């Protein structure tokens, strides 16, 4: 089982850029929630992609 199979994730984004993340462990019914600043997940994803490329793709 990969680490992604252990969790169910749902990212919800509205027209104003507000983002909400819902997640739960695969073996649990308890749902967790976190609300981000507008477009925050896009910023995080962009930073991840830049670092990933530097470490693994550029070499």
PDB file of N, CA and C in Angstrom:
ATOM      1  N   UNK A   1       0.846  -1.178   0.000  1.00  0.00           N
ATOM      2  CA  UNK A   1       0.000   0.000   0.000  1.00  0.00           C
ATOM      3  C   UNK A   1       0.894   1.245   0.000  1.00  0.00           C
ATOM      4  N   UNK A   2       0.631   2.146  -0.905  1.00  0.00           N
ATOM      5  CA  UNK A   2       1.385   3.399  -0.932  1.00  0.00           C
ATOM      6  C   UNK A   2       0.813   4.360   0.099  1.00  0.00           C
ATOM      7  N   UNK A   3       1.576   5.390   0.398  1.00  0.00           N
ATOM      8  CA  UNK A   3       1.098   6.368   1.388  1.00  0.00           C
ATOM      9  C   UNK A   3      -0.152   7.094   0.902  1.00  0.00           C
ATOM     10  N   UNK A   4      -0.355   7.189  -0.416  1.00  0.00           N
ATOM     11  CA  UNK A   4      -1.545   7.870  -0.929  1.00  0.00           C
ATOM     12  C   UNK A   4      -2.789   7.011  -0.785  1.00  0.00           C
ATOM     13  N   UNK A   5      -2.634   5.701  -0.733  1.00  0.00           N
ATOM     14  CA  UNK A   5      -3.795   4.828  -0.561  1.00  0.00           C
ATOM     15  C   UNK A   5      -4.285   4.825   0.874  1.00  0.00           C
ATOM     16  N   UNK A   6      -3.489   5.332   1.800  1.00  0.00           N
ATOM     17  CA  UNK A   6      -3.862   5.330   3.210  1.00  0.00           C
ATOM     18  C   UNK A   6      -4.849   6.449   3.539  1.00  0.00           C
ATOM     19  N   UNK A   7      -4.970   7.426   2.644  1.00  0.00           N
ATOM     20  CA  UNK A   7      -5.825   8.583   2.907  1.00  0.00           C
ATOM     21  C   UNK A   7      -6.690   8.915   1.700  1.00  0.00           C
ATOM     22  N   UNK A   8      -7.896   9.381   1.970  1.00  0.00           N
ATOM     23  CA  UNK A   8      -8.756   9.948   0.937  1.00  0.00           C
ATOM     24  C   UNK A   8      -8.685  11.458   1.109  1.00  0.00           C
ATOM     25  N   UNK A   9      -8.388  12.171   0.020  1.00  0.00           N
ATOM     26  CA  UNK A   9      -8.242  13.625   0.051  1.00  0.00           C
ATOM     27  C   UNK A   9      -9.194  14.273  -0.941  1.00  0.00           C
ATOM     28  N   UNK A  10      -9.729  15.422  -0.561  1.00  0.00           N
ATOM     29  CA  UNK A  10     -10.574  16.193  -1.464  1.00  0.00           C
ATOM     30  C   UNK A  10     -10.238  17.664  -1.277  1.00  0.00           C
ATOM     31  N   UNK A  11      -9.781  18.309  -2.341  1.00  0.00           N
ATOM     32  CA  UNK A  11      -9.503  19.743  -2.315  1.00  0.00           C
ATOM     33  C   UNK A  11     -10.630  20.451  -3.050  1.00  0.00           C
ATOM     34  N   UNK A  12     -11.261  21.402  -2.383  1.00  0.00           N
ATOM     35  CA  UNK A  12     -12.379  22.157  -2.953  1.00  0.00           C
ATOM     36  C   UNK A  12     -11.935  23.601  -3.113  1.00  0.00           C
ATOM     37  N   UNK A  13     -12.148  24.158  -4.295  1.00  0.00           N
ATOM     38  CA  UNK A  13     -11.773  25.544  -4.566  1.00  0.00           C
ATOM     39  C   UNK A  13     -12.962  26.251  -5.195  1.00  0.00           C
ATOM     40  N   UNK A  14     -13.279  27.443  -4.700  1.00  0.00           N
ATOM     41  CA  UNK A  14     -14.401  28.178  -5.273  1.00  0.00           C
ATOM     42  C   UNK A  14     -13.908  29.222  -6.281  1.00  0.00           C
ATOM     43  N   UNK A  15     -14.837  29.957  -6.859  1.00  0.00           N
ATOM     44  CA  UNK A  15     -14.518  30.943  -7.893  1.00  0.00           C
ATOM     45  C   UNK A  15     -13.644  32.090  -7.382  1.00  0.00           C
ATOM     46  N   UNK A  16     -13.621  32.307  -6.068  1.00  0.00           N
ATOM     47  CA  UNK A  16     -12.813  33.379  -5.482  1.00  0.00           C
ATOM     48  C   UNK A  16     -11.421  32.906  -5.078  1.00  0.00           C
ATOM     49  N   UNK A  17     -11.125  31.626  -5.323  1.00  0.00           N
ATOM     50  CA  UNK A  17      -9.806  31.090  -4.992  1.00  0.00           C
ATOM     51  C   UNK A  17      -9.697  30.522  -3.591  1.00  0.00           C
ATOM     52  N   UNK A  18     -10.791  30.565  -2.818  1.00  0.00           N
ATOM     53  CA  UNK A  18     -10.759  30.005  -1.466  1.00  0.00           C
ATOM     54  C   UNK A  18     -10.666  28.487  -1.565  1.00  0.00           C
ATOM     55  N   UNK A  19      -9.850  27.896  -0.692  1.00  0.00           N
ATOM     56  CA  UNK A  19      -9.592  26.464  -0.778  1.00  0.00           C
ATOM     57  C   UNK A  19      -9.869  25.787   0.562  1.00  0.00           C
ATOM     58  N   UNK A  20     -10.395  24.596   0.465  1.00  0.00           N
ATOM     59  CA  UNK A  20     -10.733  23.801   1.640  1.00  0.00           C
ATOM     60  C   UNK A  20     -10.295  22.374   1.370  1.00  0.00           C
ATOM     61  N   UNK A  21      -9.583  21.779   2.314  1.00  0.00           N
ATOM     62  CA  UNK A  21      -9.104  20.408   2.180  1.00  0.00           C
ATOM     63  C   UNK A  21      -9.847  19.527   3.170  1.00  0.00           C
ATOM     64  N   UNK A  22     -10.412  18.443   2.679  1.00  0.00           N
ATOM     65  CA  UNK A  22     -11.043  17.428   3.507  1.00  0.00           C
ATOM     66  C   UNK A  22     -10.243  16.150   3.349  1.00  0.00           C
ATOM     67  N   UNK A  23      -9.998  15.426   4.466  1.00  0.00           N
ATOM     68  CA  UNK A  23      -9.279  14.166   4.360  1.00  0.00           C
ATOM     69  C   UNK A  23      -9.677  13.226   5.477  1.00  0.00           C
ATOM     70  N   UNK A  24      -9.468  11.937   5.206  1.00  0.00           N
ATOM     71  CA  UNK A  24      -9.711  10.906   6.211  1.00  0.00           C
ATOM     72  C   UNK A  24      -8.795   9.732   5.932  1.00  0.00           C
ATOM     73  N   UNK A  25      -8.462   9.028   6.987  1.00  0.00           N
ATOM     74  CA  UNK A  25      -7.701   7.787   6.831  1.00  0.00           C
ATOM     75  C   UNK A  25      -8.619   6.757   6.175  1.00  0.00           C
ATOM     76  N   UNK A  26      -8.044   5.898   5.358  1.00  0.00           N
ATOM     77  CA  UNK A  26      -8.849   4.915   4.635  1.00  0.00           C
ATOM     78  C   UNK A  26      -9.606   3.980   5.576  1.00  0.00           C
ATOM     79  N   UNK A  27      -9.062   3.764   6.755  1.00  0.00           N
ATOM     80  CA  UNK A  27      -9.691   2.831   7.698  1.00  0.00           C
ATOM     81  C   UNK A  27     -10.535   3.551   8.762  1.00  0.00           C
ATOM     82  N   UNK A  28     -10.903   4.800   8.508  1.00  0.00           N
ATOM     83  CA  UNK A  28     -11.658   5.583   9.486  1.00  0.00           C
ATOM     84  C   UNK A  28     -12.804   6.342   8.808  1.00  0.00           C
ATOM     85  N   UNK A  29     -13.834   6.612   9.575  1.00  0.00           N
ATOM     86  CA  UNK A  29     -14.939   7.423   9.067  1.00  0.00           C
ATOM     87  C   UNK A  29     -14.804   8.886   9.486  1.00  0.00           C
ATOM     88  N   UNK A  30     -13.809   9.206  10.331  1.00  0.00           N
ATOM     89  CA  UNK A  30     -13.609  10.564  10.826  1.00  0.00           C
ATOM     90  C   UNK A  30     -13.031  11.459   9.728  1.00  0.00           C
ATOM     91  N   UNK A  31     -13.743  12.520   9.378  1.00  0.00           N
ATOM     92  CA  UNK A  31     -13.311  13.447   8.325  1.00  0.00           C
ATOM     93  C   UNK A  31     -12.712  14.688   8.974  1.00  0.00           C
ATOM     94  N   UNK A  32     -11.525  15.059   8.495  1.00  0.00           N
ATOM     95  CA  UNK A  32     -10.835  16.251   8.976  1.00  0.00           C
ATOM     96  C   UNK A  32     -10.989  17.354   7.937  1.00  0.00           C
ATOM     97  N   UNK A  33     -10.865  18.609   8.382  1.00  0.00           N
ATOM     98  CA  UNK A  33     -11.046  19.744   7.477  1.00  0.00           C
ATOM     99  C   UNK A  33     -10.022  20.833   7.800  1.00  0.00           C
ATOM    100  N   UNK A  34      -9.522  21.478   6.747  1.00  0.00           N
ATOM    101  CA  UNK A  34      -8.660  22.637   6.921  1.00  0.00           C
ATOM    102  C   UNK A  34      -8.989  23.640   5.819  1.00  0.00           C
ATOM    103  N   UNK A  35      -9.067  24.920   6.184  1.00  0.00           N
ATOM    104  CA  UNK A  35      -9.329  25.982   5.218  1.00  0.00           C
ATOM    105  C   UNK A  35      -8.051  26.782   5.005  1.00  0.00           C
ATOM    106  N   UNK A  36      -7.685  26.972   3.744  1.00  0.00           N
ATOM    107  CA  UNK A  36      -6.478  27.700   3.369  1.00  0.00           C
ATOM    108  C   UNK A  36      -6.807  29.127   2.963  1.00  0.00           C
ATOM    109  N   UNK A  37      -5.793  29.960   2.942  1.00  0.00           N
ATOM    110  CA  UNK A  37      -5.914  31.286   2.345  1.00  0.00           C
ATOM    111  C   UNK A  37      -6.186  31.095   0.845  1.00  0.00           C
ATOM    112  N   UNK A  38      -6.806  32.059   0.184  1.00  0.00           N
ATOM    113  CA  UNK A  38      -7.059  31.927  -1.259  1.00  0.00           C
ATOM    114  C   UNK A  38      -5.784  31.606  -2.034  1.00  0.00           C
ATOM    115  N   UNK A  39      -5.876  30.592  -2.873  1.00  0.00           N
ATOM    116  CA  UNK A  39      -4.811  30.143  -3.788  1.00  0.00           C
ATOM    117  C   UNK A  39      -3.570  29.600  -3.085  1.00  0.00           C
ATOM    118  N   UNK A  40      -3.638  29.322  -1.793  1.00  0.00           N
ATOM    119  CA  UNK A  40      -2.473  28.840  -1.045  1.00  0.00           C
ATOM    120  C   UNK A  40      -1.978  27.485  -1.568  1.00  0.00           C
ATOM    121  N   UNK A  41      -2.888  26.581  -1.893  1.00  0.00           N
ATOM    122  CA  UNK A  41      -2.456  25.271  -2.394  1.00  0.00           C
ATOM    123  C   UNK A  41      -1.740  25.400  -3.731  1.00  0.00           C
ATOM    124  N   UNK A  42      -2.123  26.346  -4.559  1.00  0.00           N
ATOM    125  CA  UNK A  42      -1.409  26.569  -5.820  1.00  0.00           C
ATOM    126  C   UNK A  42       0.011  27.033  -5.555  1.00  0.00           C
ATOM    127  N   UNK A  43       0.184  27.881  -4.545  1.00  0.00           N
ATOM    128  CA  UNK A  43       1.531  28.351  -4.175  1.00  0.00           C
ATOM    129  C   UNK A  43       2.370  27.175  -3.686  1.00  0.00           C
ATOM    130  N   UNK A  44       1.803  26.358  -2.809  1.00  0.00           N
ATOM    131  CA  UNK A  44       2.521  25.192  -2.277  1.00  0.00           C
ATOM    132  C   UNK A  44       2.875  24.224  -3.405  1.00  0.00           C
ATOM    133  N   UNK A  45       1.941  23.958  -4.286  1.00  0.00           N
ATOM    134  CA  UNK A  45       2.197  23.046  -5.404  1.00  0.00           C
ATOM    135  C   UNK A  45       3.294  23.594  -6.315  1.00  0.00           C
ATOM    136  N   UNK A  46       3.276  24.887  -6.562  1.00  0.00           N
ATOM    137  CA  UNK A  46       4.311  25.495  -7.392  1.00  0.00           C
ATOM    138  C   UNK A  46       5.685  25.379  -6.752  1.00  0.00           C
ATOM    139  N   UNK A  47       5.769  25.605  -5.446  1.00  0.00           N
ATOM    140  CA  UNK A  47       7.046  25.479  -4.742  1.00  0.00           C
ATOM    141  C   UNK A  47       7.527  24.035  -4.750  1.00  0.00           C
ATOM    142  N   UNK A  48       6.611  23.096  -4.553  1.00  0.00           N
ATOM    143  CA  UNK A  48       6.975  21.684  -4.610  1.00  0.00           C
ATOM    144  C   UNK A  48       7.537  21.320  -5.986  1.00  0.00           C
ATOM    145  N   UNK A  49       6.854  21.737  -7.043  1.00  0.00           N
ATOM    146  CA  UNK A  49       7.299  21.397  -8.398  1.00  0.00           C
ATOM    147  C   UNK A  49       8.673  21.979  -8.700  1.00  0.00           C
ATOM    148  N   UNK A  50       8.931  23.207  -8.265  1.00  0.00           N
ATOM    149  CA  UNK A  50      10.244  23.820  -8.472  1.00  0.00           C
ATOM    150  C   UNK A  50      11.333  23.019  -7.768  1.00  0.00           C
ATOM    151  N   UNK A  51      11.109  22.652  -6.515  1.00  0.00           N
ATOM    152  CA  UNK A  51      12.101  21.895  -5.757  1.00  0.00           C
ATOM    153  C   UNK A  51      12.274  20.483  -6.318  1.00  0.00           C
ATOM    154  N   UNK A  52      11.186  19.848  -6.704  1.00  0.00           N
ATOM    155  CA  UNK A  52      11.244  18.510  -7.280  1.00  0.00           C
ATOM    156  C   UNK A  52      12.087  18.518  -8.555  1.00  0.00           C
ATOM    157  N   UNK A  53      11.840  19.516  -9.391  1.00  0.00           N
ATOM    158  CA  UNK A  53      12.607  19.622 -10.643  1.00  0.00           C
ATOM    159  C   UNK A  53      14.082  19.836 -10.368  1.00  0.00           C
ATOM    160  N   UNK A  54      14.405  20.702  -9.418  1.00  0.00           N
ATOM    161  CA  UNK A  54      15.816  20.952  -9.081  1.00  0.00           C
ATOM    162  C   UNK A  54      16.494  19.686  -8.576  1.00  0.00           C
ATOM    163  N   UNK A  55      15.808  18.928  -7.744  1.00  0.00           N
ATOM    164  CA  UNK A  55      16.412  17.759  -7.115  1.00  0.00           C
ATOM    165  C   UNK A  55      16.434  16.522  -8.002  1.00  0.00           C
ATOM    166  N   UNK A  56      15.406  16.306  -8.792  1.00  0.00           N
ATOM    167  CA  UNK A  56      15.259  15.034  -9.486  1.00  0.00           C
ATOM    168  C   UNK A  56      15.255  15.100 -11.004  1.00  0.00           C
ATOM    169  N   UNK A  57      14.904  16.231 -11.575  1.00  0.00           N
ATOM    170  CA  UNK A  57      14.773  16.291 -13.028  1.00  0.00           C
ATOM    171  C   UNK A  57      15.987  16.932 -13.680  1.00  0.00           C
ATOM    172  N   UNK A  58      16.544  17.936 -13.056  1.00  0.00           N
ATOM    173  CA  UNK A  58      17.635  18.694 -13.664  1.00  0.00           C
ATOM    174  C   UNK A  58      18.945  17.943 -13.698  1.00  0.00           C
ATOM    175  N   UNK A  59      19.091  16.914 -12.859  1.00  0.00           N
ATOM    176  CA  UNK A  59      20.373  16.197 -12.795  1.00  0.00           C
ATOM    177  C   UNK A  59      20.537  15.205 -13.898  1.00  0.00           C
TER     178      UNK A  59
END
